[in-house]
Amino acid sequence: MWVQNFTANPFRRVDLVAQIGHSVDPAHAAAILKAGMAKIPNVLASPAPDVEIATFSPMGPVLCVRPYCHNDHYWQVYFDTNRLIRSAFGDAGYPAPEQHFAVRGTGAGFAAGA
């Protein structure tokens, strides 16, 4: 067992993710999140918040959203950033991420040429 001492460092990274849909421009989503995080109290300007594509899912790209703050403000920044993700994407009119399926087949139950 080991102990991780977050208070030994001058700042702490908040690790969050934001799922966006296939039709959403990841660069636009990152830009609005970075602009919004600059307005959240206790988010550090240096190091600057990170927003990058972390991975891809069947619903679209998944962004990693990483503001930095002093350890004393971790949970405030965590929850405020989650609220920002929801409100910024809603205000931008982003569609809800959804999976897309294509069902193909032949035989009984499938229309000709489908």
PDB file of N, CA and C in Angstrom:
ATOM      1  N   MET A   1       0.835  -1.174   0.000  1.00  0.00           N
ATOM      2  CA  MET A   1       0.000   0.000   0.000  1.00  0.00           C
ATOM      3  C   MET A   1       0.880   1.238   0.000  1.00  0.00           C
ATOM      4  N   TRP A   2       0.466   2.251  -0.738  1.00  0.00           N
ATOM      5  CA  TRP A   2       1.198   3.498  -0.774  1.00  0.00           C
ATOM      6  C   TRP A   2       0.225   4.656  -0.590  1.00  0.00           C
ATOM      7  N   VAL A   3       0.760   5.755  -0.135  1.00  0.00           N
ATOM      8  CA  VAL A   3      -0.044   6.938   0.138  1.00  0.00           C
ATOM      9  C   VAL A   3       0.349   8.020  -0.864  1.00  0.00           C
ATOM     10  N   GLN A   4      -0.655   8.630  -1.484  1.00  0.00           N
ATOM     11  CA  GLN A   4      -0.402   9.723  -2.414  1.00  0.00           C
ATOM     12  C   GLN A   4      -0.711  11.028  -1.695  1.00  0.00           C
ATOM     13  N   ASN A   5       0.310  11.858  -1.529  1.00  0.00           N
ATOM     14  CA  ASN A   5       0.174  13.110  -0.792  1.00  0.00           C
ATOM     15  C   ASN A   5      -0.035  14.260  -1.773  1.00  0.00           C
ATOM     16  N   PHE A   6      -1.302  14.631  -2.015  1.00  0.00           N
ATOM     17  CA  PHE A   6      -1.604  15.706  -2.953  1.00  0.00           C
ATOM     18  C   PHE A   6      -1.169  17.072  -2.428  1.00  0.00           C
ATOM     19  N   THR A   7      -1.085  17.242  -1.125  1.00  0.00           N
ATOM     20  CA  THR A   7      -0.740  18.550  -0.559  1.00  0.00           C
ATOM     21  C   THR A   7       0.745  18.875  -0.699  1.00  0.00           C
ATOM     22  N   ALA A   8       1.550  17.924  -1.124  1.00  0.00           N
ATOM     23  CA  ALA A   8       2.983  18.180  -1.301  1.00  0.00           C
ATOM     24  C   ALA A   8       3.265  19.017  -2.541  1.00  0.00           C
ATOM     25  N   ASN A   9       2.307  19.108  -3.451  1.00  0.00           N
ATOM     26  CA  ASN A   9       2.474  19.851  -4.696  1.00  0.00           C
ATOM     27  C   ASN A   9       1.742  21.193  -4.626  1.00  0.00           C
ATOM     28  N   PRO A  10       2.211  22.191  -5.388  1.00  0.00           N
ATOM     29  CA  PRO A  10       1.567  23.510  -5.340  1.00  0.00           C
ATOM     30  C   PRO A  10       0.208  23.556  -6.029  1.00  0.00           C
ATOM     31  N   PHE A  11      -0.092  22.575  -6.881  1.00  0.00           N
ATOM     32  CA  PHE A  11      -1.391  22.526  -7.542  1.00  0.00           C
ATOM     33  C   PHE A  11      -1.764  21.079  -7.822  1.00  0.00           C
ATOM     34  N   ARG A  12      -3.020  20.882  -8.195  1.00  0.00           N
ATOM     35  CA  ARG A  12      -3.543  19.550  -8.459  1.00  0.00           C
ATOM     36  C   ARG A  12      -4.354  19.592  -9.746  1.00  0.00           C
ATOM     37  N   ARG A  13      -4.270  18.545 -10.544  1.00  0.00           N
ATOM     38  CA  ARG A  13      -5.032  18.437 -11.781  1.00  0.00           C
ATOM     39  C   ARG A  13      -6.370  17.785 -11.496  1.00  0.00           C
ATOM     40  N   VAL A  14      -7.429  18.382 -12.002  1.00  0.00           N
ATOM     41  CA  VAL A  14      -8.765  17.806 -11.915  1.00  0.00           C
ATOM     42  C   VAL A  14      -8.985  17.045 -13.220  1.00  0.00           C
ATOM     43  N   ASP A  15      -9.263  15.754 -13.144  1.00  0.00           N
ATOM     44  CA  ASP A  15      -9.458  14.920 -14.336  1.00  0.00           C
ATOM     45  C   ASP A  15     -10.934  14.656 -14.570  1.00  0.00           C
ATOM     46  N   LEU A  16     -11.458  15.203 -15.662  1.00  0.00           N
ATOM     47  CA  LEU A  16     -12.844  14.970 -16.047  1.00  0.00           C
ATOM     48  C   LEU A  16     -12.881  14.573 -17.518  1.00  0.00           C
ATOM     49  N   VAL A  17     -13.986  14.024 -17.954  1.00  0.00           N
ATOM     50  CA  VAL A  17     -14.188  13.722 -19.370  1.00  0.00           C
ATOM     51  C   VAL A  17     -15.507  14.331 -19.820  1.00  0.00           C
ATOM     52  N   ALA A  18     -15.583  14.612 -21.123  1.00  0.00           N
ATOM     53  CA  ALA A  18     -16.797  15.157 -21.714  1.00  0.00           C
ATOM     54  C   ALA A  18     -17.061  14.423 -23.020  1.00  0.00           C
ATOM     55  N   GLN A  19     -18.179  13.739 -23.078  1.00  0.00           N
ATOM     56  CA  GLN A  19     -18.574  13.015 -24.291  1.00  0.00           C
ATOM     57  C   GLN A  19     -19.240  13.994 -25.249  1.00  0.00           C
ATOM     58  N   ILE A  20     -18.798  14.006 -26.506  1.00  0.00           N
ATOM     59  CA  ILE A  20     -19.464  14.810 -27.516  1.00  0.00           C
ATOM     60  C   ILE A  20     -19.943  13.897 -28.637  1.00  0.00           C
ATOM     61  N   GLY A  21     -20.919  14.369 -29.386  1.00  0.00           N
ATOM     62  CA  GLY A  21     -21.474  13.579 -30.475  1.00  0.00           C
ATOM     63  C   GLY A  21     -20.594  13.625 -31.714  1.00  0.00           C
ATOM     64  N   HIS A  22     -20.896  12.720 -32.653  1.00  0.00           N
ATOM     65  CA  HIS A  22     -20.126  12.626 -33.894  1.00  0.00           C
ATOM     66  C   HIS A  22     -20.133  13.929 -34.692  1.00  0.00           C
ATOM     67  N   SER A  23     -21.221  14.681 -34.634  1.00  0.00           N
ATOM     68  CA  SER A  23     -21.349  15.888 -35.452  1.00  0.00           C
ATOM     69  C   SER A  23     -20.730  17.134 -34.814  1.00  0.00           C
ATOM     70  N   VAL A  24     -20.253  17.032 -33.611  1.00  0.00           N
ATOM     71  CA  VAL A  24     -19.690  18.188 -32.903  1.00  0.00           C
ATOM     72  C   VAL A  24     -18.211  18.347 -33.258  1.00  0.00           C
ATOM     73  N   ASP A  25     -17.808  19.572 -33.543  1.00  0.00           N
ATOM     74  CA  ASP A  25     -16.409  19.875 -33.833  1.00  0.00           C
ATOM     75  C   ASP A  25     -15.620  19.876 -32.520  1.00  0.00           C
ATOM     76  N   PRO A  26     -14.688  18.939 -32.339  1.00  0.00           N
ATOM     77  CA  PRO A  26     -13.934  18.876 -31.085  1.00  0.00           C
ATOM     78  C   PRO A  26     -13.154  20.155 -30.784  1.00  0.00           C
ATOM     79  N   ALA A  27     -12.654  20.824 -31.807  1.00  0.00           N
ATOM     80  CA  ALA A  27     -11.900  22.066 -31.580  1.00  0.00           C
ATOM     81  C   ALA A  27     -12.813  23.161 -31.026  1.00  0.00           C
ATOM     82  N   HIS A  28     -14.041  23.222 -31.506  1.00  0.00           N
ATOM     83  CA  HIS A  28     -15.002  24.210 -31.000  1.00  0.00           C
ATOM     84  C   HIS A  28     -15.355  23.885 -29.549  1.00  0.00           C
ATOM     85  N   ALA A  29     -15.620  22.617 -29.282  1.00  0.00           N
ATOM     86  CA  ALA A  29     -15.952  22.200 -27.912  1.00  0.00           C
ATOM     87  C   ALA A  29     -14.810  22.536 -26.963  1.00  0.00           C
ATOM     88  N   ALA A  30     -13.574  22.270 -27.376  1.00  0.00           N
ATOM     89  CA  ALA A  30     -12.407  22.573 -26.535  1.00  0.00           C
ATOM     90  C   ALA A  30     -12.289  24.076 -26.293  1.00  0.00           C
ATOM     91  N   ALA A  31     -12.527  24.869 -27.324  1.00  0.00           N
ATOM     92  CA  ALA A  31     -12.403  26.322 -27.192  1.00  0.00           C
ATOM     93  C   ALA A  31     -13.414  26.887 -26.199  1.00  0.00           C
ATOM     94  N   ILE A  32     -14.672  26.413 -26.265  1.00  0.00           N
ATOM     95  CA  ILE A  32     -15.661  26.962 -25.334  1.00  0.00           C
ATOM     96  C   ILE A  32     -15.408  26.488 -23.907  1.00  0.00           C
ATOM     97  N   LEU A  33     -14.885  25.275 -23.757  1.00  0.00           N
ATOM     98  CA  LEU A  33     -14.562  24.807 -22.402  1.00  0.00           C
ATOM     99  C   LEU A  33     -13.374  25.571 -21.826  1.00  0.00           C
ATOM    100  N   LYS A  34     -12.349  25.808 -22.625  1.00  0.00           N
ATOM    101  CA  LYS A  34     -11.193  26.560 -22.133  1.00  0.00           C
ATOM    102  C   LYS A  34     -11.594  27.980 -21.737  1.00  0.00           C
ATOM    103  N   ALA A  35     -12.427  28.605 -22.555  1.00  0.00           N
ATOM    104  CA  ALA A  35     -12.891  29.958 -22.227  1.00  0.00           C
ATOM    105  C   ALA A  35     -13.719  29.953 -20.947  1.00  0.00           C
ATOM    106  N   GLY A  36     -14.551  28.943 -20.774  1.00  0.00           N
ATOM    107  CA  GLY A  36     -15.376  28.844 -19.573  1.00  0.00           C
ATOM    108  C   GLY A  36     -14.570  28.551 -18.324  1.00  0.00           C
ATOM    109  N   MET A  37     -13.566  27.684 -18.444  1.00  0.00           N
ATOM    110  CA  MET A  37     -12.757  27.352 -17.271  1.00  0.00           C
ATOM    111  C   MET A  37     -11.964  28.554 -16.778  1.00  0.00           C
ATOM    112  N   ALA A  38     -11.625  29.475 -17.683  1.00  0.00           N
ATOM    113  CA  ALA A  38     -10.898  30.679 -17.280  1.00  0.00           C
ATOM    114  C   ALA A  38     -11.737  31.551 -16.346  1.00  0.00           C
ATOM    115  N   LYS A  39     -13.047  31.359 -16.347  1.00  0.00           N
ATOM    116  CA  LYS A  39     -13.956  32.151 -15.513  1.00  0.00           C
ATOM    117  C   LYS A  39     -14.336  31.451 -14.208  1.00  0.00           C
ATOM    118  N   ILE A  40     -13.953  30.187 -14.060  1.00  0.00           N
ATOM    119  CA  ILE A  40     -14.281  29.452 -12.836  1.00  0.00           C
ATOM    120  C   ILE A  40     -13.328  29.896 -11.729  1.00  0.00           C
ATOM    121  N   PRO A  41     -13.861  30.313 -10.575  1.00  0.00           N
ATOM    122  CA  PRO A  41     -12.988  30.707  -9.470  1.00  0.00           C
ATOM    123  C   PRO A  41     -12.029  29.573  -9.086  1.00  0.00           C
ATOM    124  N   ASN A  42     -10.809  29.946  -8.809  1.00  0.00           N
ATOM    125  CA  ASN A  42      -9.762  29.061  -8.299  1.00  0.00           C
ATOM    126  C   ASN A  42      -9.133  28.146  -9.346  1.00  0.00           C
ATOM    127  N   VAL A  43      -9.522  28.257 -10.616  1.00  0.00           N
ATOM    128  CA  VAL A  43      -8.817  27.534 -11.670  1.00  0.00           C
ATOM    129  C   VAL A  43      -7.559  28.336 -11.984  1.00  0.00           C
ATOM    130  N   LEU A  44      -6.417  27.670 -11.965  1.00  0.00           N
ATOM    131  CA  LEU A  44      -5.147  28.350 -12.198  1.00  0.00           C
ATOM    132  C   LEU A  44      -4.965  28.696 -13.672  1.00  0.00           C
ATOM    133  N   ALA A  45      -4.366  29.857 -13.926  1.00  0.00           N
ATOM    134  CA  ALA A  45      -4.028  30.252 -15.290  1.00  0.00           C
ATOM    135  C   ALA A  45      -2.757  29.538 -15.757  1.00  0.00           C
ATOM    136  N   SER A  46      -1.897  29.184 -14.794  1.00  0.00           N
ATOM    137  CA  SER A  46      -0.672  28.464 -15.107  1.00  0.00           C
ATOM    138  C   SER A  46      -0.469  27.365 -14.075  1.00  0.00           C
ATOM    139  N   PRO A  47      -0.469  26.120 -14.486  1.00  0.00           N
ATOM    140  CA  PRO A  47      -0.612  25.663 -15.858  1.00  0.00           C
ATOM    141  C   PRO A  47      -2.040  25.881 -16.375  1.00  0.00           C
ATOM    142  N   ALA A  48      -2.122  26.162 -17.659  1.00  0.00           N
ATOM    143  CA  ALA A  48      -3.421  26.410 -18.289  1.00  0.00           C
ATOM    144  C   ALA A  48      -4.228  25.119 -18.367  1.00  0.00           C
ATOM    145  N   PRO A  49      -5.557  25.224 -18.288  1.00  0.00           N
ATOM    146  CA  PRO A  49      -6.394  24.025 -18.425  1.00  0.00           C
ATOM    147  C   PRO A  49      -6.154  23.329 -19.770  1.00  0.00           C
ATOM    148  N   ASP A  50      -6.260  22.019 -19.750  1.00  0.00           N
ATOM    149  CA  ASP A  50      -6.118  21.199 -20.958  1.00  0.00           C
ATOM    150  C   ASP A  50      -7.482  20.682 -21.376  1.00  0.00           C
ATOM    151  N   VAL A  51      -7.741  20.700 -22.674  1.00  0.00           N
ATOM    152  CA  VAL A  51      -8.901  20.019 -23.246  1.00  0.00           C
ATOM    153  C   VAL A  51      -8.414  19.376 -24.535  1.00  0.00           C
ATOM    154  N   GLU A  52      -8.424  18.067 -24.581  1.00  0.00           N
ATOM    155  CA  GLU A  52      -7.930  17.313 -25.730  1.00  0.00           C
ATOM    156  C   GLU A  52      -8.821  16.099 -25.967  1.00  0.00           C
ATOM    157  N   ILE A  53      -8.730  15.528 -27.153  1.00  0.00           N
ATOM    158  CA  ILE A  53      -9.440  14.276 -27.414  1.00  0.00           C
ATOM    159  C   ILE A  53      -8.694  13.175 -26.675  1.00  0.00           C
ATOM    160  N   ALA A  54      -9.394  12.505 -25.778  1.00  0.00           N
ATOM    161  CA  ALA A  54      -8.779  11.432 -24.992  1.00  0.00           C
ATOM    162  C   ALA A  54      -8.933  10.088 -25.679  1.00  0.00           C
ATOM    163  N   THR A  55     -10.114   9.863 -26.233  1.00  0.00           N
ATOM    164  CA  THR A  55     -10.407   8.578 -26.861  1.00  0.00           C
ATOM    165  C   THR A  55     -11.656   8.746 -27.719  1.00  0.00           C
ATOM    166  N   PHE A  56     -12.102   7.648 -28.302  1.00  0.00           N
ATOM    167  CA  PHE A  56     -13.312   7.649 -29.111  1.00  0.00           C
ATOM    168  C   PHE A  56     -14.237   6.562 -28.604  1.00  0.00           C
ATOM    169  N   SER A  57     -15.519   6.838 -28.674  1.00  0.00           N
ATOM    170  CA  SER A  57     -16.520   5.848 -28.258  1.00  0.00           C
ATOM    171  C   SER A  57     -17.525   5.697 -29.393  1.00  0.00           C
ATOM    172  N   PRO A  58     -18.420   4.723 -29.296  1.00  0.00           N
ATOM    173  CA  PRO A  58     -19.455   4.597 -30.326  1.00  0.00           C
ATOM    174  C   PRO A  58     -20.354   5.835 -30.439  1.00  0.00           C
ATOM    175  N   MET A  59     -20.318   6.717 -29.438  1.00  0.00           N
ATOM    176  CA  MET A  59     -21.133   7.924 -29.460  1.00  0.00           C
ATOM    177  C   MET A  59     -20.374   9.132 -29.997  1.00  0.00           C
ATOM    178  N   GLY A  60     -19.056   9.023 -30.193  1.00  0.00           N
ATOM    179  CA  GLY A  60     -18.251  10.124 -30.701  1.00  0.00           C
ATOM    180  C   GLY A  60     -16.997  10.311 -29.878  1.00  0.00           C
ATOM    181  N   PRO A  61     -16.275  11.403 -30.119  1.00  0.00           N
ATOM    182  CA  PRO A  61     -15.052  11.664 -29.361  1.00  0.00           C
ATOM    183  C   PRO A  61     -15.330  11.912 -27.874  1.00  0.00           C
ATOM    184  N   VAL A  62     -14.367  11.538 -27.046  1.00  0.00           N
ATOM    185  CA  VAL A  62     -14.430  11.798 -25.609  1.00  0.00           C
ATOM    186  C   VAL A  62     -13.273  12.748 -25.296  1.00  0.00           C
ATOM    187  N   LEU A  63     -13.615  13.901 -24.743  1.00  0.00           N
ATOM    188  CA  LEU A  63     -12.600  14.892 -24.404  1.00  0.00           C
ATOM    189  C   LEU A  63     -12.136  14.722 -22.972  1.00  0.00           C
ATOM    190  N   CYS A  64     -10.837  14.872 -22.737  1.00  0.00           N
ATOM    191  CA  CYS A  64     -10.356  14.985 -21.369  1.00  0.00           C
ATOM    192  C   CYS A  64     -10.369  16.481 -21.043  1.00  0.00           C
ATOM    193  N   VAL A  65     -10.888  16.813 -19.894  1.00  0.00           N
ATOM    194  CA  VAL A  65     -11.024  18.194 -19.453  1.00  0.00           C
ATOM    195  C   VAL A  65     -10.256  18.305 -18.148  1.00  0.00           C
ATOM    196  N   ARG A  66      -9.183  19.117 -18.158  1.00  0.00           N
ATOM    197  CA  ARG A  66      -8.265  19.132 -17.018  1.00  0.00           C
ATOM    198  C   ARG A  66      -7.909  20.538 -16.569  1.00  0.00           C
ATOM    199  N   PRO A  67      -8.699  21.100 -15.671  1.00  0.00           N
ATOM    200  CA  PRO A  67      -8.267  22.347 -15.034  1.00  0.00           C
ATOM    201  C   PRO A  67      -7.304  22.028 -13.888  1.00  0.00           C
ATOM    202  N   TYR A  68      -6.550  23.025 -13.484  1.00  0.00           N
ATOM    203  CA  TYR A  68      -5.621  22.876 -12.364  1.00  0.00           C
ATOM    204  C   TYR A  68      -6.010  23.860 -11.275  1.00  0.00           C
ATOM    205  N   CYS A  69      -5.811  23.452 -10.027  1.00  0.00           N
ATOM    206  CA  CYS A  69      -6.178  24.304  -8.894  1.00  0.00           C
ATOM    207  C   CYS A  69      -5.343  23.911  -7.679  1.00  0.00           C
ATOM    208  N   HIS A  70      -5.403  24.736  -6.653  1.00  0.00           N
ATOM    209  CA  HIS A  70      -4.791  24.389  -5.372  1.00  0.00           C
ATOM    210  C   HIS A  70      -5.625  23.266  -4.761  1.00  0.00           C
ATOM    211  N   ASN A  71      -4.992  22.412  -4.010  1.00  0.00           N
ATOM    212  CA  ASN A  71      -5.681  21.268  -3.402  1.00  0.00           C
ATOM    213  C   ASN A  71      -6.895  21.680  -2.570  1.00  0.00           C
ATOM    214  N   ASP A  72      -6.837  22.841  -1.929  1.00  0.00           N
ATOM    215  CA  ASP A  72      -7.951  23.300  -1.097  1.00  0.00           C
ATOM    216  C   ASP A  72      -9.224  23.538  -1.898  1.00  0.00           C
ATOM    217  N   HIS A  73      -9.092  23.741  -3.195  1.00  0.00           N
ATOM    218  CA  HIS A  73     -10.238  24.085  -4.033  1.00  0.00           C
ATOM    219  C   HIS A  73     -10.635  22.960  -4.994  1.00  0.00           C
ATOM    220  N   TYR A  74     -10.072  21.774  -4.801  1.00  0.00           N
ATOM    221  CA  TYR A  74     -10.278  20.672  -5.750  1.00  0.00           C
ATOM    222  C   TYR A  74     -11.755  20.409  -6.030  1.00  0.00           C
ATOM    223  N   TRP A  75     -12.547  20.155  -4.998  1.00  0.00           N
ATOM    224  CA  TRP A  75     -13.939  19.752  -5.212  1.00  0.00           C
ATOM    225  C   TRP A  75     -14.788  20.892  -5.761  1.00  0.00           C
ATOM    226  N   GLN A  76     -14.522  22.106  -5.369  1.00  0.00           N
ATOM    227  CA  GLN A  76     -15.251  23.253  -5.933  1.00  0.00           C
ATOM    228  C   GLN A  76     -14.984  23.341  -7.433  1.00  0.00           C
ATOM    229  N   VAL A  77     -13.704  23.221  -7.840  1.00  0.00           N
ATOM    230  CA  VAL A  77     -13.350  23.279  -9.258  1.00  0.00           C
ATOM    231  C   VAL A  77     -13.920  22.068  -9.993  1.00  0.00           C
ATOM    232  N   TYR A  78     -13.872  20.906  -9.387  1.00  0.00           N
ATOM    233  CA  TYR A  78     -14.415  19.687  -9.985  1.00  0.00           C
ATOM    234  C   TYR A  78     -15.895  19.868 -10.337  1.00  0.00           C
ATOM    235  N   PHE A  79     -16.699  20.273  -9.362  1.00  0.00           N
ATOM    236  CA  PHE A  79     -18.136  20.397  -9.589  1.00  0.00           C
ATOM    237  C   PHE A  79     -18.468  21.577 -10.506  1.00  0.00           C
ATOM    238  N   ASP A  80     -17.766  22.694 -10.367  1.00  0.00           N
ATOM    239  CA  ASP A  80     -18.011  23.837 -11.245  1.00  0.00           C
ATOM    240  C   ASP A  80     -17.669  23.502 -12.697  1.00  0.00           C
ATOM    241  N   THR A  81     -16.623  22.719 -12.900  1.00  0.00           N
ATOM    242  CA  THR A  81     -16.248  22.332 -14.262  1.00  0.00           C
ATOM    243  C   THR A  81     -17.281  21.381 -14.852  1.00  0.00           C
ATOM    244  N   ASN A  82     -17.796  20.457 -14.066  1.00  0.00           N
ATOM    245  CA  ASN A  82     -18.868  19.587 -14.558  1.00  0.00           C
ATOM    246  C   ASN A  82     -20.097  20.404 -14.960  1.00  0.00           C
ATOM    247  N   ARG A  83     -20.448  21.407 -14.140  1.00  0.00           N
ATOM    248  CA  ARG A  83     -21.580  22.275 -14.490  1.00  0.00           C
ATOM    249  C   ARG A  83     -21.290  23.043 -15.779  1.00  0.00           C
ATOM    250  N   LEU A  84     -20.044  23.492 -15.932  1.00  0.00           N
ATOM    251  CA  LEU A  84     -19.648  24.204 -17.148  1.00  0.00           C
ATOM    252  C   LEU A  84     -19.828  23.313 -18.376  1.00  0.00           C
ATOM    253  N   ILE A  85     -19.369  22.085 -18.300  1.00  0.00           N
ATOM    254  CA  ILE A  85     -19.490  21.161 -19.434  1.00  0.00           C
ATOM    255  C   ILE A  85     -20.944  21.061 -19.866  1.00  0.00           C
ATOM    256  N   ARG A  86     -21.831  20.838 -18.916  1.00  0.00           N
ATOM    257  CA  ARG A  86     -23.254  20.689 -19.230  1.00  0.00           C
ATOM    258  C   ARG A  86     -23.841  21.972 -19.797  1.00  0.00           C
ATOM    259  N   SER A  87     -23.597  23.090 -19.159  1.00  0.00           N
ATOM    260  CA  SER A  87     -24.211  24.343 -19.609  1.00  0.00           C
ATOM    261  C   SER A  87     -23.605  24.832 -20.923  1.00  0.00           C
ATOM    262  N   ALA A  88     -22.299  24.729 -21.091  1.00  0.00           N
ATOM    263  CA  ALA A  88     -21.651  25.210 -22.320  1.00  0.00           C
ATOM    264  C   ALA A  88     -22.097  24.403 -23.527  1.00  0.00           C
ATOM    265  N   PHE A  89     -22.184  23.099 -23.373  1.00  0.00           N
ATOM    266  CA  PHE A  89     -22.609  22.267 -24.500  1.00  0.00           C
ATOM    267  C   PHE A  89     -24.087  22.480 -24.811  1.00  0.00           C
ATOM    268  N   GLY A  90     -24.902  22.690 -23.783  1.00  0.00           N
ATOM    269  CA  GLY A  90     -26.316  22.997 -24.001  1.00  0.00           C
ATOM    270  C   GLY A  90     -26.491  24.333 -24.695  1.00  0.00           C
ATOM    271  N   ASP A  91     -25.770  25.362 -24.220  1.00  0.00           N
ATOM    272  CA  ASP A  91     -25.844  26.691 -24.826  1.00  0.00           C
ATOM    273  C   ASP A  91     -25.363  26.677 -26.280  1.00  0.00           C
ATOM    274  N   ALA A  92     -24.396  25.810 -26.583  1.00  0.00           N
ATOM    275  CA  ALA A  92     -23.870  25.706 -27.945  1.00  0.00           C
ATOM    276  C   ALA A  92     -24.824  24.936 -28.860  1.00  0.00           C
ATOM    277  N   GLY A  93     -25.857  24.323 -28.280  1.00  0.00           N
ATOM    278  CA  GLY A  93     -26.820  23.577 -29.078  1.00  0.00           C
ATOM    279  C   GLY A  93     -26.313  22.226 -29.543  1.00  0.00           C
ATOM    280  N   TYR A  94     -25.326  21.686 -28.837  1.00  0.00           N
ATOM    281  CA  TYR A  94     -24.796  20.382 -29.230  1.00  0.00           C
ATOM    282  C   TYR A  94     -25.863  19.308 -29.050  1.00  0.00           C
ATOM    283  N   PRO A  95     -25.969  18.402 -30.000  1.00  0.00           N
ATOM    284  CA  PRO A  95     -26.917  17.299 -29.835  1.00  0.00           C
ATOM    285  C   PRO A  95     -26.416  16.319 -28.771  1.00  0.00           C
ATOM    286  N   ALA A  96     -27.341  15.610 -28.166  1.00  0.00           N
ATOM    287  CA  ALA A  96     -26.952  14.576 -27.203  1.00  0.00           C
ATOM    288  C   ALA A  96     -26.178  13.485 -27.939  1.00  0.00           C
ATOM    289  N   PRO A  97     -25.055  13.041 -27.381  1.00  0.00           N
ATOM    290  CA  PRO A  97     -24.313  11.955 -28.022  1.00  0.00           C
ATOM    291  C   PRO A  97     -25.168  10.696 -28.097  1.00  0.00           C
ATOM    292  N   GLU A  98     -25.110  10.024 -29.236  1.00  0.00           N
ATOM    293  CA  GLU A  98     -25.871   8.784 -29.388  1.00  0.00           C
ATOM    294  C   GLU A  98     -25.107   7.832 -30.281  1.00  0.00           C
ATOM    295  N   GLN A  99     -25.334   6.566 -30.027  1.00  0.00           N
ATOM    296  CA  GLN A  99     -24.703   5.547 -30.841  1.00  0.00           C
ATOM    297  C   GLN A  99     -25.476   5.381 -32.143  1.00  0.00           C
ATOM    298  N   HIS A 100     -24.751   5.046 -33.199  1.00  0.00           N
ATOM    299  CA  HIS A 100     -25.367   4.795 -34.498  1.00  0.00           C
ATOM    300  C   HIS A 100     -25.134   3.333 -34.850  1.00  0.00           C
ATOM    301  N   PHE A 101     -26.197   2.661 -35.255  1.00  0.00           N
ATOM    302  CA  PHE A 101     -26.104   1.259 -35.617  1.00  0.00           C
ATOM    303  C   PHE A 101     -26.581   1.075 -37.048  1.00  0.00           C
ATOM    304  N   ALA A 102     -25.966   0.168 -37.769  1.00  0.00           N
ATOM    305  CA  ALA A 102     -26.428  -0.233 -39.094  1.00  0.00           C
ATOM    306  C   ALA A 102     -26.717  -1.730 -39.020  1.00  0.00           C
ATOM    307  N   VAL A 103     -27.933  -2.092 -39.311  1.00  0.00           N
ATOM    308  CA  VAL A 103     -28.320  -3.503 -39.282  1.00  0.00           C
ATOM    309  C   VAL A 103     -28.500  -3.960 -40.721  1.00  0.00           C
ATOM    310  N   ARG A 104     -27.746  -4.954 -41.105  1.00  0.00           N
ATOM    311  CA  ARG A 104     -27.809  -5.482 -42.450  1.00  0.00           C
ATOM    312  C   ARG A 104     -28.037  -6.982 -42.376  1.00  0.00           C
ATOM    313  N   GLY A 105     -28.739  -7.486 -43.371  1.00  0.00           N
ATOM    314  CA  GLY A 105     -28.949  -8.923 -43.381  1.00  0.00           C
ATOM    315  C   GLY A 105     -29.755  -9.354 -44.586  1.00  0.00           C
ATOM    316  N   THR A 106     -29.920 -10.626 -44.676  1.00  0.00           N
ATOM    317  CA  THR A 106     -30.706 -11.194 -45.766  1.00  0.00           C
ATOM    318  C   THR A 106     -31.634 -12.236 -45.168  1.00  0.00           C
ATOM    319  N   GLY A 107     -32.603 -12.640 -45.952  1.00  0.00           N
ATOM    320  CA  GLY A 107     -33.502 -13.691 -45.485  1.00  0.00           C
ATOM    321  C   GLY A 107     -34.776 -13.136 -44.918  1.00  0.00           C
ATOM    322  N   ALA A 108     -35.508 -13.986 -44.234  1.00  0.00           N
ATOM    323  CA  ALA A 108     -36.814 -13.622 -43.673  1.00  0.00           C
ATOM    324  C   ALA A 108     -36.669 -12.447 -42.715  1.00  0.00           C
ATOM    325  N   GLY A 109     -37.559 -11.496 -42.853  1.00  0.00           N
ATOM    326  CA  GLY A 109     -37.542 -10.344 -41.952  1.00  0.00           C
ATOM    327  C   GLY A 109     -36.781  -9.158 -42.488  1.00  0.00           C
ATOM    328  N   PHE A 110     -36.039  -9.320 -43.592  1.00  0.00           N
ATOM    329  CA  PHE A 110     -35.307  -8.210 -44.174  1.00  0.00           C
ATOM    330  C   PHE A 110     -35.914  -7.853 -45.517  1.00  0.00           C
ATOM    331  N   ALA A 111     -36.117  -6.584 -45.751  1.00  0.00           N
ATOM    332  CA  ALA A 111     -36.683  -6.120 -47.013  1.00  0.00           C
ATOM    333  C   ALA A 111     -35.666  -6.293 -48.130  1.00  0.00           C
ATOM    334  N   ALA A 112     -36.131  -6.549 -49.325  1.00  0.00           N
ATOM    335  CA  ALA A 112     -35.247  -6.709 -50.472  1.00  0.00           C
ATOM    336  C   ALA A 112     -34.465  -5.425 -50.706  1.00  0.00           C
ATOM    337  N   GLY A 113     -33.174  -5.564 -50.843  1.00  0.00           N
ATOM    338  CA  GLY A 113     -32.325  -4.415 -51.110  1.00  0.00           C
ATOM    339  C   GLY A 113     -31.945  -3.604 -49.884  1.00  0.00           C
ATOM    340  N   ALA A 114     -32.372  -3.989 -48.711  1.00  0.00           N
ATOM    341  CA  ALA A 114     -32.068  -3.216 -47.506  1.00  0.00           C
ATOM    342  C   ALA A 114     -30.674  -3.507 -47.009  1.00  0.00           C
TER     343      ALA A 114
END
